[in-house]
Amino acid sequence: MHARSAWVVGGRTVPDEEVDEEHAAFYAEHPLVVETGMRKYADLLTAWGWEE
């Protein structure tokens, strides 16, 4: 398995920082996605040491 060398969207190379900003904006606009994921993976997150 190889790590990706860059994000490419529509043929354009996108910097990691831009991808991070877009992800943060999506989650800010759709908090239910985060809440659902936290519930669905609660056991795994706890096993990994996640604490609220």
Protein backbone atom coordinates (compact mmCIF):
# COMPACT_ATOMS: atom_id res chain seq x y z
CA MET A 1 0.00 0.00 0.00
CA HIS A 2 1.33 3.43 -0.93
CA ALA A 3 0.45 6.73 0.68
CA ARG A 4 -1.09 9.28 -1.62
CA SER A 5 1.28 11.95 -2.91
CA ALA A 6 -1.43 14.61 -3.34
CA TRP A 7 -5.16 15.26 -3.40
CA VAL A 8 -6.40 15.63 -6.97
CA VAL A 9 -9.92 16.94 -7.54
CA GLY A 10 -11.21 17.46 -11.06
CA GLY A 11 -7.66 17.25 -12.37
CA ARG A 12 -6.44 19.99 -9.99
CA THR A 13 -3.90 19.27 -7.25
CA VAL A 14 -5.39 20.46 -3.96
CA PRO A 15 -3.19 21.29 -0.95
CA ASP A 16 -3.83 19.37 2.29
CA GLU A 17 -4.72 22.65 4.03
CA GLU A 18 -7.56 23.30 1.57
CA VAL A 19 -8.87 19.76 2.03
CA ASP A 20 -8.76 20.24 5.82
CA GLU A 21 -10.70 23.50 5.54
CA GLU A 22 -13.35 21.91 3.33
CA HIS A 23 -13.76 18.96 5.70
CA ALA A 24 -14.09 21.27 8.71
CA ALA A 25 -16.70 23.37 6.90
CA PHE A 26 -18.69 20.25 5.94
CA TYR A 27 -18.72 18.94 9.51
CA ALA A 28 -19.66 22.39 10.86
CA GLU A 29 -22.64 22.44 8.49
CA HIS A 30 -23.58 18.79 9.19
CA PRO A 31 -22.97 18.13 12.91
CA LEU A 32 -25.31 15.11 12.83
CA VAL A 33 -22.68 13.29 10.75
CA VAL A 34 -20.17 13.68 13.58
CA GLU A 35 -22.69 12.76 16.29
CA THR A 36 -23.76 9.64 14.40
CA GLY A 37 -20.16 8.58 13.81
CA MET A 38 -19.27 9.10 17.46
CA ARG A 39 -22.20 6.91 18.54
CA LYS A 40 -21.53 4.24 15.91
CA TYR A 41 -17.85 3.94 16.78
CA ALA A 42 -18.04 4.69 20.53
CA ASP A 43 -16.60 1.31 21.56
CA LEU A 44 -13.69 1.61 19.15
CA LEU A 45 -12.96 5.20 20.16
CA THR A 46 -12.97 4.19 23.83
CA ALA A 47 -10.58 1.33 23.08
CA TRP A 48 -8.29 3.85 21.40
CA GLY A 49 -8.36 5.99 24.53
CA TRP A 50 -10.79 8.70 23.35
CA GLU A 51 -12.39 10.62 26.21
CA GLU A 52 -14.96 13.39 25.93
